[in-house]
Amino acid sequence: MLIDALLWFYWIRELFNTRPETTESVLRFLLLLFFALGLALSFPFYFYFFKKAPDFTNLRLLYRRCLKWGFYLSFGTVFLFGLRAFHALTILNVVLFLVLYVAIFHQIRGRG
């Protein structure tokens, strides 16, 4: 949680102190958002899966599964923000992204 709080701090600092004039600053902003949002979303998933898990469950594997879903949702959100930031948010790109997103969902759904 401490790492997630630090990532949110750096993201907020980046939000208020950096102008989105260069590609590097936009990518740094989106990368910070990806990691901060991915870690933040993994906590609610952890509490949900922990409640449903049987006794004597390996909590490390349980949290890794929650990280997977947190970063999956974070990828979808940040990718759409990235398309918008680079003025590439068109119907065609959104449809292609949704195809990719569903394909990734089918890939990670069956794994641990």
PDB file of N, CA and C in Angstrom:
ATOM      1  N   MET A   1       0.816  -1.191   0.000  1.00  0.00           N
ATOM      2  CA  MET A   1       0.000   0.000   0.000  1.00  0.00           C
ATOM      3  C   MET A   1       0.862   1.258   0.000  1.00  0.00           C
ATOM      4  N   LEU A   2       2.017   1.151   0.618  1.00  0.00           N
ATOM      5  CA  LEU A   2       2.917   2.291   0.657  1.00  0.00           C
ATOM      6  C   LEU A   2       3.425   2.624  -0.750  1.00  0.00           C
ATOM      7  N   ILE A   3       3.761   1.610  -1.514  1.00  0.00           N
ATOM      8  CA  ILE A   3       4.221   1.836  -2.886  1.00  0.00           C
ATOM      9  C   ILE A   3       3.110   2.461  -3.718  1.00  0.00           C
ATOM     10  N   ASP A   4       1.883   1.995  -3.514  1.00  0.00           N
ATOM     11  CA  ASP A   4       0.757   2.559  -4.249  1.00  0.00           C
ATOM     12  C   ASP A   4       0.535   4.018  -3.866  1.00  0.00           C
ATOM     13  N   ALA A   5       0.650   4.339  -2.605  1.00  0.00           N
ATOM     14  CA  ALA A   5       0.500   5.733  -2.171  1.00  0.00           C
ATOM     15  C   ALA A   5       1.594   6.617  -2.780  1.00  0.00           C
ATOM     16  N   LEU A   6       2.821   6.105  -2.850  1.00  0.00           N
ATOM     17  CA  LEU A   6       3.896   6.865  -3.478  1.00  0.00           C
ATOM     18  C   LEU A   6       3.647   7.067  -4.974  1.00  0.00           C
ATOM     19  N   LEU A   7       3.141   6.036  -5.629  1.00  0.00           N
ATOM     20  CA  LEU A   7       2.838   6.172  -7.052  1.00  0.00           C
ATOM     21  C   LEU A   7       1.738   7.206  -7.289  1.00  0.00           C
ATOM     22  N   TRP A   8       0.717   7.214  -6.448  1.00  0.00           N
ATOM     23  CA  TRP A   8      -0.337   8.227  -6.584  1.00  0.00           C
ATOM     24  C   TRP A   8       0.215   9.621  -6.321  1.00  0.00           C
ATOM     25  N   PHE A   9       1.124   9.737  -5.344  1.00  0.00           N
ATOM     26  CA  PHE A   9       1.752  11.042  -5.065  1.00  0.00           C
ATOM     27  C   PHE A   9       2.509  11.542  -6.281  1.00  0.00           C
ATOM     28  N   TYR A  10       3.336  10.666  -6.886  1.00  0.00           N
ATOM     29  CA  TYR A  10       4.097  11.075  -8.065  1.00  0.00           C
ATOM     30  C   TYR A  10       3.187  11.370  -9.251  1.00  0.00           C
ATOM     31  N   TRP A  11       2.099  10.634  -9.369  1.00  0.00           N
ATOM     32  CA  TRP A  11       1.157  10.889 -10.451  1.00  0.00           C
ATOM     33  C   TRP A  11       0.489  12.253 -10.281  1.00  0.00           C
ATOM     34  N   ILE A  12       0.073  12.570  -9.076  1.00  0.00           N
ATOM     35  CA  ILE A  12      -0.553  13.874  -8.812  1.00  0.00           C
ATOM     36  C   ILE A  12       0.453  14.999  -9.013  1.00  0.00           C
ATOM     37  N   ARG A  13       1.690  14.772  -8.591  1.00  0.00           N
ATOM     38  CA  ARG A  13       2.730  15.772  -8.817  1.00  0.00           C
ATOM     39  C   ARG A  13       2.962  15.980 -10.314  1.00  0.00           C
ATOM     40  N   GLU A  14       2.963  14.883 -11.052  1.00  0.00           N
ATOM     41  CA  GLU A  14       3.117  14.962 -12.506  1.00  0.00           C
ATOM     42  C   GLU A  14       1.926  15.691 -13.135  1.00  0.00           C
ATOM     43  N   LEU A  15       0.743  15.466 -12.607  1.00  0.00           N
ATOM     44  CA  LEU A  15      -0.467  16.081 -13.130  1.00  0.00           C
ATOM     45  C   LEU A  15      -0.424  17.600 -13.001  1.00  0.00           C
ATOM     46  N   PHE A  16       0.029  18.084 -11.862  1.00  0.00           N
ATOM     47  CA  PHE A  16      -0.002  19.519 -11.613  1.00  0.00           C
ATOM     48  C   PHE A  16       1.262  20.260 -12.046  1.00  0.00           C
ATOM     49  N   ASN A  17       2.384  19.566 -12.176  1.00  0.00           N
ATOM     50  CA  ASN A  17       3.643  20.266 -12.433  1.00  0.00           C
ATOM     51  C   ASN A  17       4.202  20.084 -13.836  1.00  0.00           C
ATOM     52  N   THR A  18       3.605  19.260 -14.661  1.00  0.00           N
ATOM     53  CA  THR A  18       4.171  18.987 -15.978  1.00  0.00           C
ATOM     54  C   THR A  18       3.162  19.317 -17.059  1.00  0.00           C
ATOM     55  N   ARG A  19       3.629  19.994 -18.075  1.00  0.00           N
ATOM     56  CA  ARG A  19       2.770  20.287 -19.221  1.00  0.00           C
ATOM     57  C   ARG A  19       2.863  19.133 -20.220  1.00  0.00           C
ATOM     58  N   PRO A  20       1.745  18.770 -20.829  1.00  0.00           N
ATOM     59  CA  PRO A  20       1.786  17.664 -21.799  1.00  0.00           C
ATOM     60  C   PRO A  20       2.246  18.133 -23.182  1.00  0.00           C
ATOM     61  N   GLU A  21       3.457  18.667 -23.236  1.00  0.00           N
ATOM     62  CA  GLU A  21       3.955  19.209 -24.491  1.00  0.00           C
ATOM     63  C   GLU A  21       4.765  18.193 -25.284  1.00  0.00           C
ATOM     64  N   THR A  22       5.395  17.262 -24.607  1.00  0.00           N
ATOM     65  CA  THR A  22       6.221  16.290 -25.306  1.00  0.00           C
ATOM     66  C   THR A  22       5.625  14.894 -25.146  1.00  0.00           C
ATOM     67  N   THR A  23       6.013  14.036 -26.049  1.00  0.00           N
ATOM     68  CA  THR A  23       5.563  12.646 -25.972  1.00  0.00           C
ATOM     69  C   THR A  23       6.084  11.983 -24.708  1.00  0.00           C
ATOM     70  N   GLU A  24       7.292  12.317 -24.313  1.00  0.00           N
ATOM     71  CA  GLU A  24       7.896  11.733 -23.119  1.00  0.00           C
ATOM     72  C   GLU A  24       7.087  12.068 -21.866  1.00  0.00           C
ATOM     73  N   SER A  25       6.640  13.296 -21.730  1.00  0.00           N
ATOM     74  CA  SER A  25       5.886  13.674 -20.534  1.00  0.00           C
ATOM     75  C   SER A  25       4.508  12.998 -20.512  1.00  0.00           C
ATOM     76  N   VAL A  26       3.890  12.856 -21.682  1.00  0.00           N
ATOM     77  CA  VAL A  26       2.596  12.170 -21.742  1.00  0.00           C
ATOM     78  C   VAL A  26       2.760  10.699 -21.400  1.00  0.00           C
ATOM     79  N   LEU A  27       3.786  10.055 -21.952  1.00  0.00           N
ATOM     80  CA  LEU A  27       4.021   8.638 -21.661  1.00  0.00           C
ATOM     81  C   LEU A  27       4.377   8.407 -20.190  1.00  0.00           C
ATOM     82  N   ARG A  28       5.156   9.309 -19.613  1.00  0.00           N
ATOM     83  CA  ARG A  28       5.497   9.190 -18.192  1.00  0.00           C
ATOM     84  C   ARG A  28       4.238   9.313 -17.335  1.00  0.00           C
ATOM     85  N   PHE A  29       3.375  10.249 -17.688  1.00  0.00           N
ATOM     86  CA  PHE A  29       2.108  10.435 -16.984  1.00  0.00           C
ATOM     87  C   PHE A  29       1.236   9.176 -17.092  1.00  0.00           C
ATOM     88  N   LEU A  30       1.118   8.624 -18.287  1.00  0.00           N
ATOM     89  CA  LEU A  30       0.288   7.430 -18.481  1.00  0.00           C
ATOM     90  C   LEU A  30       0.888   6.206 -17.804  1.00  0.00           C
ATOM     91  N   LEU A  31       2.201   6.090 -17.805  1.00  0.00           N
ATOM     92  CA  LEU A  31       2.846   4.953 -17.146  1.00  0.00           C
ATOM     93  C   LEU A  31       2.651   5.012 -15.634  1.00  0.00           C
ATOM     94  N   LEU A  32       2.792   6.202 -15.059  1.00  0.00           N
ATOM     95  CA  LEU A  32       2.534   6.356 -13.625  1.00  0.00           C
ATOM     96  C   LEU A  32       1.076   6.027 -13.301  1.00  0.00           C
ATOM     97  N   LEU A  33       0.165   6.485 -14.146  1.00  0.00           N
ATOM     98  CA  LEU A  33      -1.247   6.181 -13.935  1.00  0.00           C
ATOM     99  C   LEU A  33      -1.505   4.691 -14.042  1.00  0.00           C
ATOM    100  N   PHE A  34      -0.870   4.021 -14.998  1.00  0.00           N
ATOM    101  CA  PHE A  34      -1.048   2.579 -15.173  1.00  0.00           C
ATOM    102  C   PHE A  34      -0.649   1.814 -13.916  1.00  0.00           C
ATOM    103  N   PHE A  35       0.528   2.089 -13.391  1.00  0.00           N
ATOM    104  CA  PHE A  35       0.988   1.361 -12.215  1.00  0.00           C
ATOM    105  C   PHE A  35       0.196   1.726 -10.958  1.00  0.00           C
ATOM    106  N   ALA A  36      -0.107   2.999 -10.779  1.00  0.00           N
ATOM    107  CA  ALA A  36      -0.864   3.413  -9.592  1.00  0.00           C
ATOM    108  C   ALA A  36      -2.274   2.835  -9.617  1.00  0.00           C
ATOM    109  N   LEU A  37      -2.924   2.904 -10.761  1.00  0.00           N
ATOM    110  CA  LEU A  37      -4.284   2.379 -10.878  1.00  0.00           C
ATOM    111  C   LEU A  37      -4.298   0.861 -10.787  1.00  0.00           C
ATOM    112  N   GLY A  38      -3.312   0.209 -11.371  1.00  0.00           N
ATOM    113  CA  GLY A  38      -3.232  -1.249 -11.298  1.00  0.00           C
ATOM    114  C   GLY A  38      -3.083  -1.749  -9.871  1.00  0.00           C
ATOM    115  N   LEU A  39      -2.210  -1.105  -9.105  1.00  0.00           N
ATOM    116  CA  LEU A  39      -2.049  -1.506  -7.702  1.00  0.00           C
ATOM    117  C   LEU A  39      -3.279  -1.154  -6.882  1.00  0.00           C
ATOM    118  N   ALA A  40      -3.869  -0.007  -7.151  1.00  0.00           N
ATOM    119  CA  ALA A  40      -5.046   0.406  -6.382  1.00  0.00           C
ATOM    120  C   ALA A  40      -6.234  -0.515  -6.659  1.00  0.00           C
ATOM    121  N   LEU A  41      -6.407  -0.954  -7.877  1.00  0.00           N
ATOM    122  CA  LEU A  41      -7.523  -1.840  -8.199  1.00  0.00           C
ATOM    123  C   LEU A  41      -7.299  -3.264  -7.700  1.00  0.00           C
ATOM    124  N   SER A  42      -6.060  -3.626  -7.444  1.00  0.00           N
ATOM    125  CA  SER A  42      -5.805  -4.988  -6.958  1.00  0.00           C
ATOM    126  C   SER A  42      -6.287  -5.186  -5.518  1.00  0.00           C
ATOM    127  N   PHE A  43      -6.372  -4.126  -4.734  1.00  0.00           N
ATOM    128  CA  PHE A  43      -6.810  -4.272  -3.346  1.00  0.00           C
ATOM    129  C   PHE A  43      -8.268  -4.693  -3.215  1.00  0.00           C
ATOM    130  N   PRO A  44      -9.212  -4.070  -3.915  1.00  0.00           N
ATOM    131  CA  PRO A  44     -10.596  -4.556  -3.819  1.00  0.00           C
ATOM    132  C   PRO A  44     -10.750  -5.991  -4.340  1.00  0.00           C
ATOM    133  N   PHE A  45     -10.005  -6.319  -5.406  1.00  0.00           N
ATOM    134  CA  PHE A  45     -10.044  -7.699  -5.893  1.00  0.00           C
ATOM    135  C   PHE A  45      -9.515  -8.661  -4.839  1.00  0.00           C
ATOM    136  N   TYR A  46      -8.465  -8.244  -4.125  1.00  0.00           N
ATOM    137  CA  TYR A  46      -7.904  -9.102  -3.084  1.00  0.00           C
ATOM    138  C   TYR A  46      -8.927  -9.368  -1.983  1.00  0.00           C
ATOM    139  N   PHE A  47      -9.609  -8.338  -1.529  1.00  0.00           N
ATOM    140  CA  PHE A  47     -10.593  -8.539  -0.473  1.00  0.00           C
ATOM    141  C   PHE A  47     -11.749  -9.410  -0.948  1.00  0.00           C
ATOM    142  N   TYR A  48     -12.129  -9.258  -2.199  1.00  0.00           N
ATOM    143  CA  TYR A  48     -13.208 -10.072  -2.753  1.00  0.00           C
ATOM    144  C   TYR A  48     -12.786 -11.541  -2.851  1.00  0.00           C
ATOM    145  N   PHE A  49     -11.615 -11.799  -3.426  1.00  0.00           N
ATOM    146  CA  PHE A  49     -11.160 -13.176  -3.572  1.00  0.00           C
ATOM    147  C   PHE A  49     -10.775 -13.798  -2.236  1.00  0.00           C
ATOM    148  N   PHE A  50     -10.283 -12.982  -1.297  1.00  0.00           N
ATOM    149  CA  PHE A  50      -9.929 -13.500   0.016  1.00  0.00           C
ATOM    150  C   PHE A  50     -11.171 -13.987   0.762  1.00  0.00           C
ATOM    151  N   LYS A  51     -12.266 -13.260   0.595  1.00  0.00           N
ATOM    152  CA  LYS A  51     -13.507 -13.644   1.256  1.00  0.00           C
ATOM    153  C   LYS A  51     -14.039 -14.960   0.694  1.00  0.00           C
ATOM    154  N   LYS A  52     -13.845 -15.187  -0.598  1.00  0.00           N
ATOM    155  CA  LYS A  52     -14.339 -16.397  -1.243  1.00  0.00           C
ATOM    156  C   LYS A  52     -13.368 -17.574  -1.137  1.00  0.00           C
ATOM    157  N   ALA A  53     -12.135 -17.325  -0.755  1.00  0.00           N
ATOM    158  CA  ALA A  53     -11.108 -18.372  -0.745  1.00  0.00           C
ATOM    159  C   ALA A  53     -11.308 -19.332   0.431  1.00  0.00           C
ATOM    160  N   PRO A  54     -11.000 -20.605   0.228  1.00  0.00           N
ATOM    161  CA  PRO A  54     -11.076 -21.556   1.339  1.00  0.00           C
ATOM    162  C   PRO A  54      -9.939 -21.310   2.332  1.00  0.00           C
ATOM    163  N   ASP A  55     -10.055 -21.942   3.488  1.00  0.00           N
ATOM    164  CA  ASP A  55      -9.008 -21.817   4.504  1.00  0.00           C
ATOM    165  C   ASP A  55      -7.694 -22.394   3.971  1.00  0.00           C
ATOM    166  N   PHE A  56      -6.609 -21.918   4.505  1.00  0.00           N
ATOM    167  CA  PHE A  56      -5.261 -22.367   4.159  1.00  0.00           C
ATOM    168  C   PHE A  56      -4.943 -22.154   2.679  1.00  0.00           C
ATOM    169  N   THR A  57      -5.354 -21.037   2.156  1.00  0.00           N
ATOM    170  CA  THR A  57      -5.051 -20.666   0.782  1.00  0.00           C
ATOM    171  C   THR A  57      -3.724 -19.927   0.756  1.00  0.00           C
ATOM    172  N   ASN A  58      -2.942 -20.164  -0.280  1.00  0.00           N
ATOM    173  CA  ASN A  58      -1.685 -19.449  -0.437  1.00  0.00           C
ATOM    174  C   ASN A  58      -2.005 -18.000  -0.792  1.00  0.00           C
ATOM    175  N   LEU A  59      -1.795 -17.088   0.148  1.00  0.00           N
ATOM    176  CA  LEU A  59      -2.175 -15.686  -0.050  1.00  0.00           C
ATOM    177  C   LEU A  59      -1.299 -14.981  -1.076  1.00  0.00           C
ATOM    178  N   ARG A  60      -0.081 -15.453  -1.250  1.00  0.00           N
ATOM    179  CA  ARG A  60       0.790 -14.852  -2.258  1.00  0.00           C
ATOM    180  C   ARG A  60       0.224 -15.099  -3.660  1.00  0.00           C
ATOM    181  N   LEU A  61      -0.200 -16.316  -3.932  1.00  0.00           N
ATOM    182  CA  LEU A  61      -0.805 -16.620  -5.226  1.00  0.00           C
ATOM    183  C   LEU A  61      -2.139 -15.896  -5.402  1.00  0.00           C
ATOM    184  N   LEU A  62      -2.866 -15.765  -4.313  1.00  0.00           N
ATOM    185  CA  LEU A  62      -4.136 -15.051  -4.373  1.00  0.00           C
ATOM    186  C   LEU A  62      -3.908 -13.584  -4.735  1.00  0.00           C
ATOM    187  N   TYR A  63      -2.904 -12.949  -4.147  1.00  0.00           N
ATOM    188  CA  TYR A  63      -2.642 -11.546  -4.457  1.00  0.00           C
ATOM    189  C   TYR A  63      -2.111 -11.381  -5.876  1.00  0.00           C
ATOM    190  N   ARG A  64      -1.330 -12.340  -6.355  1.00  0.00           N
ATOM    191  CA  ARG A  64      -0.853 -12.262  -7.734  1.00  0.00           C
ATOM    192  C   ARG A  64      -2.016 -12.323  -8.717  1.00  0.00           C
ATOM    193  N   ARG A  65      -2.998 -13.139  -8.408  1.00  0.00           N
ATOM    194  CA  ARG A  65      -4.181 -13.200  -9.267  1.00  0.00           C
ATOM    195  C   ARG A  65      -4.921 -11.863  -9.235  1.00  0.00           C
ATOM    196  N   CYS A  66      -4.979 -11.241  -8.090  1.00  0.00           N
ATOM    197  CA  CYS A  66      -5.637  -9.943  -7.969  1.00  0.00           C
ATOM    198  C   CYS A  66      -4.857  -8.864  -8.697  1.00  0.00           C
ATOM    199  N   LEU A  67      -3.525  -8.930  -8.655  1.00  0.00           N
ATOM    200  CA  LEU A  67      -2.706  -7.988  -9.410  1.00  0.00           C
ATOM    201  C   LEU A  67      -2.979  -8.115 -10.902  1.00  0.00           C
ATOM    202  N   LYS A  68      -3.143  -9.353 -11.351  1.00  0.00           N
ATOM    203  CA  LYS A  68      -3.412  -9.588 -12.768  1.00  0.00           C
ATOM    204  C   LYS A  68      -4.678  -8.867 -13.202  1.00  0.00           C
ATOM    205  N   TRP A  69      -5.746  -8.982 -12.417  1.00  0.00           N
ATOM    206  CA  TRP A  69      -7.009  -8.338 -12.791  1.00  0.00           C
ATOM    207  C   TRP A  69      -6.955  -6.834 -12.602  1.00  0.00           C
ATOM    208  N   GLY A  70      -6.240  -6.364 -11.593  1.00  0.00           N
ATOM    209  CA  GLY A  70      -6.089  -4.931 -11.402  1.00  0.00           C
ATOM    210  C   GLY A  70      -5.353  -4.282 -12.557  1.00  0.00           C
ATOM    211  N   PHE A  71      -4.275  -4.912 -13.002  1.00  0.00           N
ATOM    212  CA  PHE A  71      -3.521  -4.350 -14.116  1.00  0.00           C
ATOM    213  C   PHE A  71      -4.261  -4.529 -15.442  1.00  0.00           C
ATOM    214  N   TYR A  72      -5.087  -5.547 -15.546  1.00  0.00           N
ATOM    215  CA  TYR A  72      -5.897  -5.711 -16.757  1.00  0.00           C
ATOM    216  C   TYR A  72      -6.874  -4.540 -16.906  1.00  0.00           C
ATOM    217  N   LEU A  73      -7.576  -4.211 -15.845  1.00  0.00           N
ATOM    218  CA  LEU A  73      -8.502  -3.075 -15.900  1.00  0.00           C
ATOM    219  C   LEU A  73      -7.755  -1.757 -16.081  1.00  0.00           C
ATOM    220  N   SER A  74      -6.609  -1.649 -15.448  1.00  0.00           N
ATOM    221  CA  SER A  74      -5.802  -0.450 -15.592  1.00  0.00           C
ATOM    222  C   SER A  74      -5.316  -0.285 -17.026  1.00  0.00           C
ATOM    223  N   PHE A  75      -4.956  -1.376 -17.675  1.00  0.00           N
ATOM    224  CA  PHE A  75      -4.514  -1.318 -19.071  1.00  0.00           C
ATOM    225  C   PHE A  75      -5.607  -0.766 -19.968  1.00  0.00           C
ATOM    226  N   GLY A  76      -6.833  -1.224 -19.765  1.00  0.00           N
ATOM    227  CA  GLY A  76      -7.942  -0.738 -20.582  1.00  0.00           C
ATOM    228  C   GLY A  76      -8.168   0.747 -20.413  1.00  0.00           C
ATOM    229  N   THR A  77      -8.159   1.198 -19.206  1.00  0.00           N
ATOM    230  CA  THR A  77      -8.397   2.612 -18.919  1.00  0.00           C
ATOM    231  C   THR A  77      -7.274   3.494 -19.462  1.00  0.00           C
ATOM    232  N   VAL A  78      -6.047   3.121 -19.165  1.00  0.00           N
ATOM    233  CA  VAL A  78      -4.907   3.951 -19.558  1.00  0.00           C
ATOM    234  C   VAL A  78      -4.720   3.931 -21.074  1.00  0.00           C
ATOM    235  N   PHE A  79      -5.003   2.811 -21.720  1.00  0.00           N
ATOM    236  CA  PHE A  79      -4.863   2.763 -23.173  1.00  0.00           C
ATOM    237  C   PHE A  79      -5.859   3.704 -23.847  1.00  0.00           C
ATOM    238  N   LEU A  80      -7.084   3.731 -23.360  1.00  0.00           N
ATOM    239  CA  LEU A  80      -8.061   4.661 -23.927  1.00  0.00           C
ATOM    240  C   LEU A  80      -7.670   6.116 -23.669  1.00  0.00           C
ATOM    241  N   PHE A  81      -7.129   6.391 -22.483  1.00  0.00           N
ATOM    242  CA  PHE A  81      -6.625   7.746 -22.209  1.00  0.00           C
ATOM    243  C   PHE A  81      -5.462   8.082 -23.145  1.00  0.00           C
ATOM    244  N   GLY A  82      -4.607   7.091 -23.424  1.00  0.00           N
ATOM    245  CA  GLY A  82      -3.486   7.312 -24.329  1.00  0.00           C
ATOM    246  C   GLY A  82      -3.953   7.592 -25.750  1.00  0.00           C
ATOM    247  N   LEU A  83      -4.962   6.861 -26.198  1.00  0.00           N
ATOM    248  CA  LEU A  83      -5.516   7.150 -27.521  1.00  0.00           C
ATOM    249  C   LEU A  83      -6.053   8.571 -27.578  1.00  0.00           C
ATOM    250  N   ARG A  84      -6.708   8.978 -26.521  1.00  0.00           N
ATOM    251  CA  ARG A  84      -7.257  10.342 -26.479  1.00  0.00           C
ATOM    252  C   ARG A  84      -6.145  11.381 -26.435  1.00  0.00           C
ATOM    253  N   ALA A  85      -5.092  11.096 -25.672  1.00  0.00           N
ATOM    254  CA  ALA A  85      -3.993  12.056 -25.538  1.00  0.00           C
ATOM    255  C   ALA A  85      -3.251  12.249 -26.858  1.00  0.00           C
ATOM    256  N   PHE A  86      -3.147  11.201 -27.652  1.00  0.00           N
ATOM    257  CA  PHE A  86      -2.439  11.298 -28.925  1.00  0.00           C
ATOM    258  C   PHE A  86      -3.383  11.534 -30.100  1.00  0.00           C
ATOM    259  N   HIS A  87      -4.605  11.924 -29.802  1.00  0.00           N
ATOM    260  CA  HIS A  87      -5.619  12.250 -30.814  1.00  0.00           C
ATOM    261  C   HIS A  87      -5.837  11.100 -31.796  1.00  0.00           C
ATOM    262  N   ALA A  88      -5.899   9.886 -31.260  1.00  0.00           N
ATOM    263  CA  ALA A  88      -6.119   8.696 -32.084  1.00  0.00           C
ATOM    264  C   ALA A  88      -7.389   7.964 -31.667  1.00  0.00           C
ATOM    265  N   LEU A  89      -8.241   8.638 -30.929  1.00  0.00           N
ATOM    266  CA  LEU A  89      -9.460   8.018 -30.434  1.00  0.00           C
ATOM    267  C   LEU A  89     -10.540   8.103 -31.514  1.00  0.00           C
ATOM    268  N   THR A  90     -10.527   7.105 -32.399  1.00  0.00           N
ATOM    269  CA  THR A  90     -11.528   7.019 -33.450  1.00  0.00           C
ATOM    270  C   THR A  90     -12.343   5.751 -33.244  1.00  0.00           C
ATOM    271  N   ILE A  91     -13.435   5.638 -33.949  1.00  0.00           N
ATOM    272  CA  ILE A  91     -14.288   4.456 -33.820  1.00  0.00           C
ATOM    273  C   ILE A  91     -13.510   3.197 -34.196  1.00  0.00           C
ATOM    274  N   LEU A  92     -12.756   3.261 -35.276  1.00  0.00           N
ATOM    275  CA  LEU A  92     -11.980   2.109 -35.726  1.00  0.00           C
ATOM    276  C   LEU A  92     -10.962   1.681 -34.677  1.00  0.00           C
ATOM    277  N   ASN A  93     -10.232   2.640 -34.105  1.00  0.00           N
ATOM    278  CA  ASN A  93      -9.240   2.301 -33.083  1.00  0.00           C
ATOM    279  C   ASN A  93      -9.892   1.737 -31.831  1.00  0.00           C
ATOM    280  N   VAL A  94     -11.038   2.248 -31.454  1.00  0.00           N
ATOM    281  CA  VAL A  94     -11.731   1.731 -30.270  1.00  0.00           C
ATOM    282  C   VAL A  94     -12.211   0.309 -30.524  1.00  0.00           C
ATOM    283  N   VAL A  95     -12.743   0.039 -31.710  1.00  0.00           N
ATOM    284  CA  VAL A  95     -13.201  -1.323 -32.031  1.00  0.00           C
ATOM    285  C   VAL A  95     -12.015  -2.287 -32.047  1.00  0.00           C
ATOM    286  N   LEU A  96     -10.911  -1.881 -32.655  1.00  0.00           N
ATOM    287  CA  LEU A  96      -9.724  -2.734 -32.662  1.00  0.00           C
ATOM    288  C   LEU A  96      -9.183  -2.956 -31.257  1.00  0.00           C
ATOM    289  N   PHE A  97      -9.226  -1.920 -30.443  1.00  0.00           N
ATOM    290  CA  PHE A  97      -8.781  -2.081 -29.065  1.00  0.00           C
ATOM    291  C   PHE A  97      -9.698  -3.028 -28.301  1.00  0.00           C
ATOM    292  N   LEU A  98     -10.999  -2.927 -28.518  1.00  0.00           N
ATOM    293  CA  LEU A  98     -11.919  -3.837 -27.832  1.00  0.00           C
ATOM    294  C   LEU A  98     -11.686  -5.287 -28.240  1.00  0.00           C
ATOM    295  N   VAL A  99     -11.360  -5.525 -29.495  1.00  0.00           N
ATOM    296  CA  VAL A  99     -11.014  -6.882 -29.941  1.00  0.00           C
ATOM    297  C   VAL A  99      -9.767  -7.368 -29.199  1.00  0.00           C
ATOM    298  N   LEU A 100      -8.760  -6.518 -29.125  1.00  0.00           N
ATOM    299  CA  LEU A 100      -7.542  -6.865 -28.388  1.00  0.00           C
ATOM    300  C   LEU A 100      -7.837  -7.096 -26.911  1.00  0.00           C
ATOM    301  N   TYR A 101      -8.663  -6.257 -26.335  1.00  0.00           N
ATOM    302  CA  TYR A 101      -8.979  -6.342 -24.909  1.00  0.00           C
ATOM    303  C   TYR A 101      -9.717  -7.639 -24.585  1.00  0.00           C
ATOM    304  N   VAL A 102     -10.651  -8.024 -25.439  1.00  0.00           N
ATOM    305  CA  VAL A 102     -11.371  -9.288 -25.235  1.00  0.00           C
ATOM    306  C   VAL A 102     -10.430 -10.473 -25.424  1.00  0.00           C
ATOM    307  N   ALA A 103      -9.519 -10.389 -26.389  1.00  0.00           N
ATOM    308  CA  ALA A 103      -8.548 -11.465 -26.593  1.00  0.00           C
ATOM    309  C   ALA A 103      -7.639 -11.620 -25.378  1.00  0.00           C
ATOM    310  N   ILE A 104      -7.207 -10.507 -24.810  1.00  0.00           N
ATOM    311  CA  ILE A 104      -6.378 -10.572 -23.596  1.00  0.00           C
ATOM    312  C   ILE A 104      -7.184 -11.158 -22.446  1.00  0.00           C
ATOM    313  N   PHE A 105      -8.459 -10.799 -22.352  1.00  0.00           N
ATOM    314  CA  PHE A 105      -9.312 -11.352 -21.303  1.00  0.00           C
ATOM    315  C   PHE A 105      -9.392 -12.873 -21.416  1.00  0.00           C
ATOM    316  N   HIS A 106      -9.562 -13.381 -22.620  1.00  0.00           N
ATOM    317  CA  HIS A 106      -9.642 -14.827 -22.795  1.00  0.00           C
ATOM    318  C   HIS A 106      -8.311 -15.506 -22.501  1.00  0.00           C
ATOM    319  N   GLN A 107      -7.217 -14.810 -22.725  1.00  0.00           N
ATOM    320  CA  GLN A 107      -5.920 -15.377 -22.408  1.00  0.00           C
ATOM    321  C   GLN A 107      -5.680 -15.460 -20.905  1.00  0.00           C
ATOM    322  N   ILE A 108      -6.008 -14.417 -20.179  1.00  0.00           N
ATOM    323  CA  ILE A 108      -5.664 -14.409 -18.744  1.00  0.00           C
ATOM    324  C   ILE A 108      -6.771 -15.000 -17.876  1.00  0.00           C
ATOM    325  N   ARG A 109      -7.949 -15.212 -18.415  1.00  0.00           N
ATOM    326  CA  ARG A 109      -9.050 -15.737 -17.610  1.00  0.00           C
ATOM    327  C   ARG A 109      -8.735 -17.129 -17.088  1.00  0.00           C
ATOM    328  N   GLY A 110      -8.167 -17.981 -17.922  1.00  0.00           N
ATOM    329  CA  GLY A 110      -7.949 -19.356 -17.532  1.00  0.00           C
ATOM    330  C   GLY A 110      -6.702 -19.599 -16.729  1.00  0.00           C
ATOM    331  N   ARG A 111      -5.837 -18.622 -16.657  1.00  0.00           N
ATOM    332  CA  ARG A 111      -4.570 -18.817 -15.921  1.00  0.00           C
ATOM    333  C   ARG A 111      -4.753 -18.463 -14.464  1.00  0.00           C
ATOM    334  N   GLY A 112      -4.145 -19.292 -13.587  1.00  0.00           N
ATOM    335  CA  GLY A 112      -4.121 -19.154 -12.147  1.00  0.00           C
ATOM    336  C   GLY A 112      -4.795 -18.032 -11.605  1.00  0.00           C
TER     337      GLY A 112
END
